[in-house]
PDB file of N, CA and C in Angstrom:
ATOM      1  N   MET A   1      15.914  -1.823   7.646  1.00  0.00           N
ATOM      2  CA  MET A   1      14.894  -2.685   7.057  1.00  0.00           C
ATOM      3  C   MET A   1      15.467  -3.268   5.778  1.00  0.00           C
ATOM      4  N   SER A   2      15.358  -4.529   5.647  1.00  0.00           N
ATOM      5  CA  SER A   2      15.915  -5.191   4.474  1.00  0.00           C
ATOM      6  C   SER A   2      14.913  -5.213   3.329  1.00  0.00           C
ATOM      7  N   HIS A   3      15.454  -5.564   2.162  1.00  0.00           N
ATOM      8  CA  HIS A   3      14.593  -5.710   0.990  1.00  0.00           C
ATOM      9  C   HIS A   3      13.524  -6.783   1.238  1.00  0.00           C
ATOM     10  N   ASP A   4      13.840  -7.789   2.051  1.00  0.00           N
ATOM     11  CA  ASP A   4      12.861  -8.837   2.379  1.00  0.00           C
ATOM     12  C   ASP A   4      11.650  -8.263   3.102  1.00  0.00           C
ATOM     13  N   VAL A   5      11.873  -7.298   3.974  1.00  0.00           N
ATOM     14  CA  VAL A   5      10.763  -6.674   4.688  1.00  0.00           C
ATOM     15  C   VAL A   5       9.909  -5.865   3.720  1.00  0.00           C
ATOM     16  N   VAL A   6      10.548  -5.157   2.804  1.00  0.00           N
ATOM     17  CA  VAL A   6       9.800  -4.399   1.791  1.00  0.00           C
ATOM     18  C   VAL A   6       8.953  -5.366   0.963  1.00  0.00           C
ATOM     19  N   ARG A   7       9.542  -6.470   0.570  1.00  0.00           N
ATOM     20  CA  ARG A   7       8.800  -7.474  -0.198  1.00  0.00           C
ATOM     21  C   ARG A   7       7.603  -7.992   0.610  1.00  0.00           C
ATOM     22  N   ARG A   8       7.807  -8.217   1.910  1.00  0.00           N
ATOM     23  CA  ARG A   8       6.723  -8.724   2.761  1.00  0.00           C
ATOM     24  C   ARG A   8       5.572  -7.713   2.860  1.00  0.00           C
ATOM     25  N   VAL A   9       5.896  -6.422   2.913  1.00  0.00           N
ATOM     26  CA  VAL A   9       4.847  -5.393   2.961  1.00  0.00           C
ATOM     27  C   VAL A   9       3.992  -5.464   1.704  1.00  0.00           C
ATOM     28  N   PHE A  10       4.639  -5.553   0.539  1.00  0.00           N
ATOM     29  CA  PHE A  10       3.858  -5.576  -0.699  1.00  0.00           C
ATOM     30  C   PHE A  10       3.152  -6.917  -0.909  1.00  0.00           C
ATOM     31  N   GLN A  11       3.693  -7.988  -0.404  1.00  0.00           N
ATOM     32  CA  GLN A  11       2.974  -9.267  -0.445  1.00  0.00           C
ATOM     33  C   GLN A  11       1.692  -9.168   0.383  1.00  0.00           C
ATOM     34  N   ALA A  12       1.758  -8.475   1.510  1.00  0.00           N
ATOM     35  CA  ALA A  12       0.560  -8.285   2.332  1.00  0.00           C
ATOM     36  C   ALA A  12      -0.488  -7.463   1.585  1.00  0.00           C
ATOM     37  N   VAL A  13      -0.045  -6.397   0.927  1.00  0.00           N
ATOM     38  CA  VAL A  13      -0.980  -5.575   0.149  1.00  0.00           C
ATOM     39  C   VAL A  13      -1.580  -6.407  -0.983  1.00  0.00           C
ATOM     40  N   ASP A  14      -0.744  -7.133  -1.698  1.00  0.00           N
ATOM     41  CA  ASP A  14      -1.195  -7.910  -2.857  1.00  0.00           C
ATOM     42  C   ASP A  14      -2.032  -9.128  -2.470  1.00  0.00           C
ATOM     43  N   SER A  15      -2.033  -9.482  -1.196  1.00  0.00           N
ATOM     44  CA  SER A  15      -2.849 -10.625  -0.754  1.00  0.00           C
ATOM     45  C   SER A  15      -4.333 -10.341  -0.921  1.00  0.00           C
ATOM     46  N   PHE A  16      -4.678  -9.074  -1.072  1.00  0.00           N
ATOM     47  CA  PHE A  16      -6.060  -8.644  -1.260  1.00  0.00           C
ATOM     48  C   PHE A  16      -6.876  -8.900   0.008  1.00  0.00           C
ATOM     49  N   ASP A  17      -6.172  -9.016   1.136  1.00  0.00           N
ATOM     50  CA  ASP A  17      -6.796  -9.217   2.442  1.00  0.00           C
ATOM     51  C   ASP A  17      -6.385  -8.042   3.327  1.00  0.00           C
ATOM     52  N   PRO A  18      -7.282  -7.083   3.552  1.00  0.00           N
ATOM     53  CA  PRO A  18      -6.926  -5.897   4.326  1.00  0.00           C
ATOM     54  C   PRO A  18      -6.397  -6.226   5.726  1.00  0.00           C
ATOM     55  N   ASP A  19      -6.889  -7.290   6.330  1.00  0.00           N
ATOM     56  CA  ASP A  19      -6.444  -7.635   7.674  1.00  0.00           C
ATOM     57  C   ASP A  19      -4.991  -8.100   7.688  1.00  0.00           C
ATOM     58  N   THR A  20      -4.544  -8.743   6.613  1.00  0.00           N
ATOM     59  CA  THR A  20      -3.144  -9.164   6.513  1.00  0.00           C
ATOM     60  C   THR A  20      -2.233  -7.945   6.512  1.00  0.00           C
ATOM     61  N   PHE A  21      -2.593  -6.918   5.736  1.00  0.00           N
ATOM     62  CA  PHE A  21      -1.792  -5.692   5.732  1.00  0.00           C
ATOM     63  C   PHE A  21      -1.891  -4.986   7.080  1.00  0.00           C
ATOM     64  N   ALA A  22      -3.093  -4.927   7.656  1.00  0.00           N
ATOM     65  CA  ALA A  22      -3.287  -4.207   8.919  1.00  0.00           C
ATOM     66  C   ALA A  22      -2.442  -4.790  10.047  1.00  0.00           C
ATOM     67  N   GLU A  23      -2.110  -6.059   9.981  1.00  0.00           N
ATOM     68  CA  GLU A  23      -1.263  -6.676  11.010  1.00  0.00           C
ATOM     69  C   GLU A  23       0.133  -6.069  11.049  1.00  0.00           C
ATOM     70  N   LEU A  24       0.543  -5.423   9.960  1.00  0.00           N
ATOM     71  CA  LEU A  24       1.860  -4.780   9.902  1.00  0.00           C
ATOM     72  C   LEU A  24       1.852  -3.389  10.521  1.00  0.00           C
ATOM     73  N   LEU A  25       0.665  -2.897  10.881  1.00  0.00           N
ATOM     74  CA  LEU A  25       0.499  -1.521  11.340  1.00  0.00           C
ATOM     75  C   LEU A  25       0.406  -1.415  12.849  1.00  0.00           C
ATOM     76  N   ALA A  26       0.899  -0.299  13.369  1.00  0.00           N
ATOM     77  CA  ALA A  26       0.660   0.046  14.767  1.00  0.00           C
ATOM     78  C   ALA A  26      -0.833   0.318  14.935  1.00  0.00           C
ATOM     79  N   GLU A  27      -1.326   0.150  16.145  1.00  0.00           N
ATOM     80  CA  GLU A  27      -2.758   0.346  16.420  1.00  0.00           C
ATOM     81  C   GLU A  27      -3.227   1.742  16.009  1.00  0.00           C
ATOM     82  N   ASP A  28      -2.366   2.756  16.151  1.00  0.00           N
ATOM     83  CA  ASP A  28      -2.734   4.140  15.839  1.00  0.00           C
ATOM     84  C   ASP A  28      -2.116   4.635  14.527  1.00  0.00           C
ATOM     85  N   ALA A  29      -1.769   3.728  13.647  1.00  0.00           N
ATOM     86  CA  ALA A  29      -1.111   4.088  12.382  1.00  0.00           C
ATOM     87  C   ALA A  29      -1.998   4.972  11.523  1.00  0.00           C
ATOM     88  N   THR A  30      -1.335   5.734  10.662  1.00  0.00           N
ATOM     89  CA  THR A  30      -2.020   6.584   9.695  1.00  0.00           C
ATOM     90  C   THR A  30      -1.632   6.130   8.296  1.00  0.00           C
ATOM     91  N   LEU A  31      -2.623   6.063   7.387  1.00  0.00           N
ATOM     92  CA  LEU A  31      -2.361   5.773   5.983  1.00  0.00           C
ATOM     93  C   LEU A  31      -3.012   6.873   5.159  1.00  0.00           C
ATOM     94  N   VAL A  32      -2.227   7.434   4.237  1.00  0.00           N
ATOM     95  CA  VAL A  32      -2.738   8.471   3.340  1.00  0.00           C
ATOM     96  C   VAL A  32      -2.457   8.027   1.913  1.00  0.00           C
ATOM     97  N   PHE A  33      -3.492   7.998   1.080  1.00  0.00           N
ATOM     98  CA  PHE A  33      -3.354   7.662  -0.335  1.00  0.00           C
ATOM     99  C   PHE A  33      -3.514   8.951  -1.122  1.00  0.00           C
ATOM    100  N   GLY A  34      -2.414   9.404  -1.732  1.00  0.00           N
ATOM    101  CA  GLY A  34      -2.450  10.637  -2.533  1.00  0.00           C
ATOM    102  C   GLY A  34      -2.910  11.811  -1.695  1.00  0.00           C
ATOM    103  N   ASN A  35      -3.918  12.504  -2.189  1.00  0.00           N
ATOM    104  CA  ASN A  35      -4.431  13.661  -1.456  1.00  0.00           C
ATOM    105  C   ASN A  35      -5.736  13.354  -0.732  1.00  0.00           C
ATOM    106  N   ALA A  36      -6.032  12.068  -0.529  1.00  0.00           N
ATOM    107  CA  ALA A  36      -7.236  11.673   0.208  1.00  0.00           C
ATOM    108  C   ALA A  36      -7.058  11.961   1.695  1.00  0.00           C
ATOM    109  N   GLU A  37      -8.159  11.971   2.406  1.00  0.00           N
ATOM    110  CA  GLU A  37      -8.104  12.168   3.850  1.00  0.00           C
ATOM    111  C   GLU A  37      -7.364  11.006   4.503  1.00  0.00           C
ATOM    112  N   PRO A  38      -6.602  11.269   5.535  1.00  0.00           N
ATOM    113  CA  PRO A  38      -5.884  10.186   6.222  1.00  0.00           C
ATOM    114  C   PRO A  38      -6.849   9.185   6.860  1.00  0.00           C
ATOM    115  N   MET A  39      -6.464   7.934   6.829  1.00  0.00           N
ATOM    116  CA  MET A  39      -7.152   6.899   7.588  1.00  0.00           C
ATOM    117  C   MET A  39      -6.317   6.703   8.843  1.00  0.00           C
ATOM    118  N   VAL A  40      -6.939   6.789   9.993  1.00  0.00           N
ATOM    119  CA  VAL A  40      -6.204   6.729  11.246  1.00  0.00           C
ATOM    120  C   VAL A  40      -6.663   5.521  12.045  1.00  0.00           C
ATOM    121  N   GLY A  41      -5.710   4.669  12.387  1.00  0.00           N
ATOM    122  CA  GLY A  41      -5.993   3.474  13.173  1.00  0.00           C
ATOM    123  C   GLY A  41      -6.033   2.239  12.292  1.00  0.00           C
ATOM    124  N   ARG A  42      -5.559   1.146  12.860  1.00  0.00           N
ATOM    125  CA  ARG A  42      -5.478  -0.129  12.138  1.00  0.00           C
ATOM    126  C   ARG A  42      -6.840  -0.529  11.552  1.00  0.00           C
ATOM    127  N   HIS A  43      -7.913  -0.377  12.346  1.00  0.00           N
ATOM    128  CA  HIS A  43      -9.230  -0.795  11.858  1.00  0.00           C
ATOM    129  C   HIS A  43      -9.745   0.111  10.741  1.00  0.00           C
ATOM    130  N   ALA A  44      -9.463   1.409  10.834  1.00  0.00           N
ATOM    131  CA  ALA A  44      -9.883   2.342   9.781  1.00  0.00           C
ATOM    132  C   ALA A  44      -9.133   2.055   8.489  1.00  0.00           C
ATOM    133  N   VAL A  45      -7.851   1.730   8.592  1.00  0.00           N
ATOM    134  CA  VAL A  45      -7.074   1.395   7.394  1.00  0.00           C
ATOM    135  C   VAL A  45      -7.622   0.132   6.750  1.00  0.00           C
ATOM    136  N   ALA A  46      -7.902  -0.893   7.541  1.00  0.00           N
ATOM    137  CA  ALA A  46      -8.456  -2.136   6.991  1.00  0.00           C
ATOM    138  C   ALA A  46      -9.799  -1.867   6.326  1.00  0.00           C
ATOM    139  N   ALA A  47     -10.641  -1.052   6.942  1.00  0.00           N
ATOM    140  CA  ALA A  47     -11.945  -0.721   6.350  1.00  0.00           C
ATOM    141  C   ALA A  47     -11.764   0.054   5.050  1.00  0.00           C
ATOM    142  N   GLY A  48     -10.826   1.011   5.024  1.00  0.00           N
ATOM    143  CA  GLY A  48     -10.563   1.772   3.808  1.00  0.00           C
ATOM    144  C   GLY A  48     -10.044   0.883   2.693  1.00  0.00           C
ATOM    145  N   LEU A  49      -9.170  -0.060   3.029  1.00  0.00           N
ATOM    146  CA  LEU A  49      -8.669  -0.999   2.015  1.00  0.00           C
ATOM    147  C   LEU A  49      -9.788  -1.887   1.496  1.00  0.00           C
ATOM    148  N   ARG A  50     -10.685  -2.330   2.381  1.00  0.00           N
ATOM    149  CA  ARG A  50     -11.820  -3.145   1.926  1.00  0.00           C
ATOM    150  C   ARG A  50     -12.646  -2.386   0.887  1.00  0.00           C
ATOM    151  N   THR A  51     -12.884  -1.109   1.173  1.00  0.00           N
ATOM    152  CA  THR A  51     -13.647  -0.277   0.233  1.00  0.00           C
ATOM    153  C   THR A  51     -12.893  -0.142  -1.087  1.00  0.00           C
ATOM    154  N   PHE A  52     -11.588   0.147  -1.014  1.00  0.00           N
ATOM    155  CA  PHE A  52     -10.793   0.279  -2.232  1.00  0.00           C
ATOM    156  C   PHE A  52     -10.752  -1.037  -3.006  1.00  0.00           C
ATOM    157  N   TYR A  53     -10.515  -2.126  -2.310  1.00  0.00           N
ATOM    158  CA  TYR A  53     -10.438  -3.431  -2.980  1.00  0.00           C
ATOM    159  C   TYR A  53     -11.748  -3.792  -3.678  1.00  0.00           C
ATOM    160  N   SER A  54     -12.867  -3.256  -3.200  1.00  0.00           N
ATOM    161  CA  SER A  54     -14.150  -3.556  -3.855  1.00  0.00           C
ATOM    162  C   SER A  54     -14.257  -2.883  -5.218  1.00  0.00           C
ATOM    163  N   THR A  55     -13.356  -1.926  -5.525  1.00  0.00           N
ATOM    164  CA  THR A  55     -13.390  -1.211  -6.807  1.00  0.00           C
ATOM    165  C   THR A  55     -12.459  -1.819  -7.844  1.00  0.00           C
ATOM    166  N   ILE A  56     -11.686  -2.842  -7.443  1.00  0.00           N
ATOM    167  CA  ILE A  56     -10.747  -3.487  -8.361  1.00  0.00           C
ATOM    168  C   ILE A  56     -10.862  -5.000  -8.222  1.00  0.00           C
ATOM    169  N   GLY A  57     -10.317  -5.705  -9.191  1.00  0.00           N
ATOM    170  CA  GLY A  57     -10.344  -7.163  -9.158  1.00  0.00           C
ATOM    171  C   GLY A  57      -9.106  -7.784  -8.549  1.00  0.00           C
ATOM    172  N   GLY A  58      -8.052  -6.985  -8.342  1.00  0.00           N
ATOM    173  CA  GLY A  58      -6.809  -7.481  -7.759  1.00  0.00           C
ATOM    174  C   GLY A  58      -5.681  -6.517  -8.061  1.00  0.00           C
ATOM    175  N   LEU A  59      -4.511  -6.801  -7.513  1.00  0.00           N
ATOM    176  CA  LEU A  59      -3.349  -5.967  -7.772  1.00  0.00           C
ATOM    177  C   LEU A  59      -2.076  -6.744  -7.480  1.00  0.00           C
ATOM    178  N   ARG A  60      -1.003  -6.270  -8.083  1.00  0.00           N
ATOM    179  CA  ARG A  60       0.301  -6.921  -7.915  1.00  0.00           C
ATOM    180  C   ARG A  60       1.378  -5.847  -8.056  1.00  0.00           C
ATOM    181  N   HIS A  61       2.287  -5.827  -7.080  1.00  0.00           N
ATOM    182  CA  HIS A  61       3.389  -4.862  -7.068  1.00  0.00           C
ATOM    183  C   HIS A  61       4.673  -5.512  -7.557  1.00  0.00           C
ATOM    184  N   ARG A  62       5.424  -4.766  -8.354  1.00  0.00           N
ATOM    185  CA  ARG A  62       6.800  -5.147  -8.700  1.00  0.00           C
ATOM    186  C   ARG A  62       7.690  -4.057  -8.129  1.00  0.00           C
ATOM    187  N   ILE A  63       8.563  -4.436  -7.227  1.00  0.00           N
ATOM    188  CA  ILE A  63       9.447  -3.465  -6.590  1.00  0.00           C
ATOM    189  C   ILE A  63      10.544  -3.082  -7.587  1.00  0.00           C
ATOM    190  N   VAL A  64      10.624  -1.809  -7.897  1.00  0.00           N
ATOM    191  CA  VAL A  64      11.643  -1.297  -8.806  1.00  0.00           C
ATOM    192  C   VAL A  64      12.919  -1.018  -8.018  1.00  0.00           C
ATOM    193  N   ARG A  65      12.781  -0.306  -6.913  1.00  0.00           N
ATOM    194  CA  ARG A  65      13.915  -0.045  -6.017  1.00  0.00           C
ATOM    195  C   ARG A  65      13.358   0.440  -4.682  1.00  0.00           C
ATOM    196  N   ASP A  66      14.170   0.303  -3.652  1.00  0.00           N
ATOM    197  CA  ASP A  66      13.753   0.777  -2.343  1.00  0.00           C
ATOM    198  C   ASP A  66      14.957   1.304  -1.580  1.00  0.00           C
ATOM    199  N   TRP A  67      14.679   2.220  -0.650  1.00  0.00           N
ATOM    200  CA  TRP A  67      15.705   2.850   0.153  1.00  0.00           C
ATOM    201  C   TRP A  67      15.224   2.900   1.591  1.00  0.00           C
ATOM    202  N   GLN A  68      16.166   2.826   2.509  1.00  0.00           N
ATOM    203  CA  GLN A  68      15.850   3.035   3.914  1.00  0.00           C
ATOM    204  C   GLN A  68      16.751   4.118   4.462  1.00  0.00           C
ATOM    205  N   VAL A  69      16.136   5.062   5.161  1.00  0.00           N
ATOM    206  CA  VAL A  69      16.856   6.135   5.821  1.00  0.00           C
ATOM    207  C   VAL A  69      16.345   6.165   7.258  1.00  0.00           C
ATOM    208  N   GLY A  70      17.104   5.632   8.161  1.00  0.00           N
ATOM    209  CA  GLY A  70      16.647   5.538   9.551  1.00  0.00           C
ATOM    210  C   GLY A  70      15.403   4.669   9.622  1.00  0.00           C
ATOM    211  N   ALA A  71      14.352   5.211  10.194  1.00  0.00           N
ATOM    212  CA  ALA A  71      13.094   4.473  10.344  1.00  0.00           C
ATOM    213  C   ALA A  71      12.185   4.594   9.122  1.00  0.00           C
ATOM    214  N   ASP A  72      12.634   5.343   8.111  1.00  0.00           N
ATOM    215  CA  ASP A  72      11.809   5.592   6.924  1.00  0.00           C
ATOM    216  C   ASP A  72      12.221   4.703   5.766  1.00  0.00           C
ATOM    217  N   THR A  73      11.210   4.186   5.071  1.00  0.00           N
ATOM    218  CA  THR A  73      11.429   3.377   3.877  1.00  0.00           C
ATOM    219  C   THR A  73      10.708   4.029   2.713  1.00  0.00           C
ATOM    220  N   ILE A  74      11.379   4.065   1.569  1.00  0.00           N
ATOM    221  CA  ILE A  74      10.802   4.588   0.329  1.00  0.00           C
ATOM    222  C   ILE A  74      10.877   3.466  -0.691  1.00  0.00           C
ATOM    223  N   ALA A  75       9.758   3.187  -1.334  1.00  0.00           N
ATOM    224  CA  ALA A  75       9.733   2.113  -2.336  1.00  0.00           C
ATOM    225  C   ALA A  75       9.058   2.607  -3.605  1.00  0.00           C
ATOM    226  N   GLU A  76       9.772   2.469  -4.714  1.00  0.00           N
ATOM    227  CA  GLU A  76       9.202   2.745  -6.036  1.00  0.00           C
ATOM    228  C   GLU A  76       8.715   1.410  -6.584  1.00  0.00           C
ATOM    229  N   THR A  77       7.476   1.380  -7.028  1.00  0.00           N
ATOM    230  CA  THR A  77       6.904   0.135  -7.543  1.00  0.00           C
ATOM    231  C   THR A  77       6.158   0.378  -8.843  1.00  0.00           C
ATOM    232  N   GLU A  78       6.033  -0.684  -9.617  1.00  0.00           N
ATOM    233  CA  GLU A  78       5.101  -0.718 -10.739  1.00  0.00           C
ATOM    234  C   GLU A  78       3.957  -1.608 -10.276  1.00  0.00           C
ATOM    235  N   VAL A  79       2.764  -1.063 -10.297  1.00  0.00           N
ATOM    236  CA  VAL A  79       1.601  -1.776  -9.781  1.00  0.00           C
ATOM    237  C   VAL A  79       0.673  -2.108 -10.939  1.00  0.00           C
ATOM    238  N   THR A  80       0.350  -3.368 -11.059  1.00  0.00           N
ATOM    239  CA  THR A  80      -0.622  -3.797 -12.069  1.00  0.00           C
ATOM    240  C   THR A  80      -1.931  -4.070 -11.348  1.00  0.00           C
ATOM    241  N   TYR A  81      -2.938  -3.303 -11.724  1.00  0.00           N
ATOM    242  CA  TYR A  81      -4.272  -3.457 -11.153  1.00  0.00           C
ATOM    243  C   TYR A  81      -5.132  -4.253 -12.117  1.00  0.00           C
ATOM    244  N   ARG A  82      -5.866  -5.195 -11.620  1.00  0.00           N
ATOM    245  CA  ARG A  82      -6.885  -5.885 -12.412  1.00  0.00           C
ATOM    246  C   ARG A  82      -8.171  -5.098 -12.213  1.00  0.00           C
ATOM    247  N   ARG A  83      -8.646  -4.512 -13.304  1.00  0.00           N
ATOM    248  CA  ARG A  83      -9.879  -3.740 -13.245  1.00  0.00           C
ATOM    249  C   ARG A  83     -11.073  -4.675 -13.156  1.00  0.00           C
ATOM    250  N   LEU A  84     -12.215  -4.142 -12.773  1.00  0.00           N
ATOM    251  CA  LEU A  84     -13.417  -4.965 -12.660  1.00  0.00           C
ATOM    252  C   LEU A  84     -13.896  -5.481 -14.009  1.00  0.00           C
ATOM    253  N   ASP A  85     -13.475  -4.821 -15.107  1.00  0.00           N
ATOM    254  CA  ASP A  85     -13.845  -5.302 -16.437  1.00  0.00           C
ATOM    255  C   ASP A  85     -12.882  -6.392 -16.934  1.00  0.00           C
ATOM    256  N   GLY A  86     -11.935  -6.790 -16.077  1.00  0.00           N
ATOM    257  CA  GLY A  86     -10.992  -7.856 -16.423  1.00  0.00           C
ATOM    258  C   GLY A  86      -9.718  -7.379 -17.090  1.00  0.00           C
ATOM    259  N   LYS A  87      -9.639  -6.103 -17.468  1.00  0.00           N
ATOM    260  CA  LYS A  87      -8.431  -5.562 -18.082  1.00  0.00           C
ATOM    261  C   LYS A  87      -7.423  -5.172 -17.012  1.00  0.00           C
ATOM    262  N   ASP A  88      -6.152  -5.175 -17.389  1.00  0.00           N
ATOM    263  CA  ASP A  88      -5.099  -4.750 -16.480  1.00  0.00           C
ATOM    264  C   ASP A  88      -4.706  -3.313 -16.779  1.00  0.00           C
ATOM    265  N   ALA A  89      -4.354  -2.579 -15.731  1.00  0.00           N
ATOM    266  CA  ALA A  89      -3.851  -1.213 -15.853  1.00  0.00           C
ATOM    267  C   ALA A  89      -2.615  -1.113 -14.970  1.00  0.00           C
ATOM    268  N   ALA A  90      -1.505  -0.644 -15.556  1.00  0.00           N
ATOM    269  CA  ALA A  90      -0.256  -0.522 -14.812  1.00  0.00           C
ATOM    270  C   ALA A  90       0.012   0.942 -14.481  1.00  0.00           C
ATOM    271  N   VAL A  91       0.448   1.191 -13.267  1.00  0.00           N
ATOM    272  CA  VAL A  91       0.806   2.540 -12.837  1.00  0.00           C
ATOM    273  C   VAL A  91       2.100   2.474 -12.025  1.00  0.00           C
ATOM    274  N   VAL A  92       2.790   3.593 -11.971  1.00  0.00           N
ATOM    275  CA  VAL A  92       3.975   3.720 -11.129  1.00  0.00           C
ATOM    276  C   VAL A  92       3.515   4.314  -9.805  1.00  0.00           C
ATOM    277  N   ALA A  93       4.048   3.794  -8.719  1.00  0.00           N
ATOM    278  CA  ALA A  93       3.685   4.301  -7.391  1.00  0.00           C
ATOM    279  C   ALA A  93       4.936   4.439  -6.536  1.00  0.00           C
ATOM    280  N   VAL A  94       4.855   5.365  -5.606  1.00  0.00           N
ATOM    281  CA  VAL A  94       5.880   5.494  -4.582  1.00  0.00           C
ATOM    282  C   VAL A  94       5.178   5.401  -3.233  1.00  0.00           C
ATOM    283  N   SER A  95       5.683   4.521  -2.394  1.00  0.00           N
ATOM    284  CA  SER A  95       5.162   4.378  -1.033  1.00  0.00           C
ATOM    285  C   SER A  95       6.267   4.758  -0.065  1.00  0.00           C
ATOM    286  N   ILE A  96       5.877   5.478   0.954  1.00  0.00           N
ATOM    287  CA  ILE A  96       6.827   5.905   1.991  1.00  0.00           C
ATOM    288  C   ILE A  96       6.220   5.521   3.328  1.00  0.00           C
ATOM    289  N   TRP A  97       7.002   4.819   4.151  1.00  0.00           N
ATOM    290  CA  TRP A  97       6.463   4.501   5.470  1.00  0.00           C
ATOM    291  C   TRP A  97       7.528   4.624   6.544  1.00  0.00           C
ATOM    292  N   ARG A  98       7.039   4.849   7.760  1.00  0.00           N
ATOM    293  CA  ARG A  98       7.893   4.954   8.943  1.00  0.00           C
ATOM    294  C   ARG A  98       7.588   3.767   9.839  1.00  0.00           C
ATOM    295  N   THR A  99       8.651   3.129  10.297  1.00  0.00           N
ATOM    296  CA  THR A  99       8.516   1.959  11.155  1.00  0.00           C
ATOM    297  C   THR A  99       8.991   2.301  12.567  1.00  0.00           C
ATOM    298  N   ARG A 100       8.204   1.882  13.554  1.00  0.00           N
ATOM    299  CA  ARG A 100       8.582   2.092  14.952  1.00  0.00           C
ATOM    300  C   ARG A 100       9.653   1.082  15.366  1.00  0.00           C
ATOM    301  N   ASP A 101      10.192   1.263  16.551  1.00  0.00           N
ATOM    302  CA  ASP A 101      11.213   0.352  17.067  1.00  0.00           C
ATOM    303  C   ASP A 101      10.724  -1.085  17.169  1.00  0.00           C
ATOM    304  N   ASP A 102       9.406  -1.275  17.365  1.00  0.00           N
ATOM    305  CA  ASP A 102       8.865  -2.636  17.484  1.00  0.00           C
ATOM    306  C   ASP A 102       8.598  -3.281  16.122  1.00  0.00           C
ATOM    307  N   GLY A 103       8.935  -2.569  15.027  1.00  0.00           N
ATOM    308  CA  GLY A 103       8.771  -3.121  13.689  1.00  0.00           C
ATOM    309  C   GLY A 103       7.429  -2.820  13.037  1.00  0.00           C
ATOM    310  N   LEU A 104       6.497  -2.219  13.781  1.00  0.00           N
ATOM    311  CA  LEU A 104       5.189  -1.896  13.206  1.00  0.00           C
ATOM    312  C   LEU A 104       5.245  -0.557  12.478  1.00  0.00           C
ATOM    313  N   ILE A 105       4.466  -0.445  11.432  1.00  0.00           N
ATOM    314  CA  ILE A 105       4.413   0.773  10.620  1.00  0.00           C
ATOM    315  C   ILE A 105       3.497   1.778  11.318  1.00  0.00           C
ATOM    316  N   SER A 106       3.995   3.010  11.496  1.00  0.00           N
ATOM    317  CA  SER A 106       3.193   4.044  12.151  1.00  0.00           C
ATOM    318  C   SER A 106       2.610   5.058  11.169  1.00  0.00           C
ATOM    319  N   ASP A 107       3.235   5.205  10.019  1.00  0.00           N
ATOM    320  CA  ASP A 107       2.784   6.190   9.031  1.00  0.00           C
ATOM    321  C   ASP A 107       3.091   5.631   7.653  1.00  0.00           C
ATOM    322  N   TYR A 108       2.084   5.588   6.782  1.00  0.00           N
ATOM    323  CA  TYR A 108       2.236   5.002   5.451  1.00  0.00           C
ATOM    324  C   TYR A 108       1.600   5.947   4.455  1.00  0.00           C
ATOM    325  N   ARG A 109       2.330   6.291   3.413  1.00  0.00           N
ATOM    326  CA  ARG A 109       1.834   7.225   2.386  1.00  0.00           C
ATOM    327  C   ARG A 109       2.046   6.622   1.005  1.00  0.00           C
ATOM    328  N   ILE A 110       1.048   6.763   0.151  1.00  0.00           N
ATOM    329  CA  ILE A 110       1.096   6.207  -1.196  1.00  0.00           C
ATOM    330  C   ILE A 110       0.867   7.345  -2.188  1.00  0.00           C
ATOM    331  N   PHE A 111       1.736   7.399  -3.193  1.00  0.00           N
ATOM    332  CA  PHE A 111       1.607   8.419  -4.236  1.00  0.00           C
ATOM    333  C   PHE A 111       1.518   7.702  -5.581  1.00  0.00           C
ATOM    334  N   ALA A 112       0.343   7.796  -6.211  1.00  0.00           N
ATOM    335  CA  ALA A 112       0.113   7.145  -7.505  1.00  0.00           C
ATOM    336  C   ALA A 112      -1.063   7.830  -8.182  1.00  0.00           C
ATOM    337  N   ASP A 113      -1.070   7.799  -9.491  1.00  0.00           N
ATOM    338  CA  ASP A 113      -2.198   8.290 -10.289  1.00  0.00           C
ATOM    339  C   ASP A 113      -3.033   7.091 -10.711  1.00  0.00           C
ATOM    340  N   LEU A 114      -4.208   6.948 -10.137  1.00  0.00           N
ATOM    341  CA  LEU A 114      -5.049   5.780 -10.425  1.00  0.00           C
ATOM    342  C   LEU A 114      -6.022   5.999 -11.587  1.00  0.00           C
ATOM    343  N   ALA A 115      -5.867   7.108 -12.319  1.00  0.00           N
ATOM    344  CA  ALA A 115      -6.771   7.363 -13.445  1.00  0.00           C
ATOM    345  C   ALA A 115      -6.854   6.176 -14.406  1.00  0.00           C
ATOM    346  N   PRO A 116      -5.754   5.521 -14.783  1.00  0.00           N
ATOM    347  CA  PRO A 116      -5.861   4.396 -15.715  1.00  0.00           C
ATOM    348  C   PRO A 116      -6.648   3.209 -15.146  1.00  0.00           C
ATOM    349  N   VAL A 117      -6.723   3.124 -13.837  1.00  0.00           N
ATOM    350  CA  VAL A 117      -7.442   2.013 -13.206  1.00  0.00           C
ATOM    351  C   VAL A 117      -8.943   2.209 -13.330  1.00  0.00           C
ATOM    352  N   HIS A 118      -9.385   3.463 -13.322  1.00  0.00           N
ATOM    353  CA  HIS A 118     -10.811   3.730 -13.310  1.00  0.00           C
ATOM    354  C   HIS A 118     -11.345   4.339 -14.597  1.00  0.00           C
ATOM    355  N   GLU A 119     -10.505   4.371 -15.669  1.00  0.00           N
ATOM    356  CA  GLU A 119     -10.972   4.899 -16.955  1.00  0.00           C
ATOM    357  C   GLU A 119     -12.044   3.998 -17.543  1.00  0.00           C
ATOM    358  N   ALA A 120     -12.917   4.613 -18.272  1.00  0.00           N
ATOM    359  CA  ALA A 120     -13.986   3.835 -18.940  1.00  0.00           C
ATOM    360  C   ALA A 120     -13.465   3.187 -20.193  1.00  0.00           C
TER     361      ALA A 120
END
């Protein structure tokens, strides 16, 4: 997987359109954010993203570095979230995903501390 593909994944996330990101997923894909319960299936992931997106005003990823090991990709990013109060909050995140032979993502995991995004 090239750096261009990693960029395309984060462009889909930053589009703020859950269906755009879901198009990158296998029908039975799993997404886990931190220690939350897994979302299983393309439609469940899109629904979960819709719920999450309703708690923020937007987001933007800056790719710090990425690695590919076989079918697995690891990406370190700095994510700037636009809070609902209009302020920005930046956090460091690591995303790890596995891609099937057909190019669709089957397993996606996000590790980030979102406390600064939801602080009062």
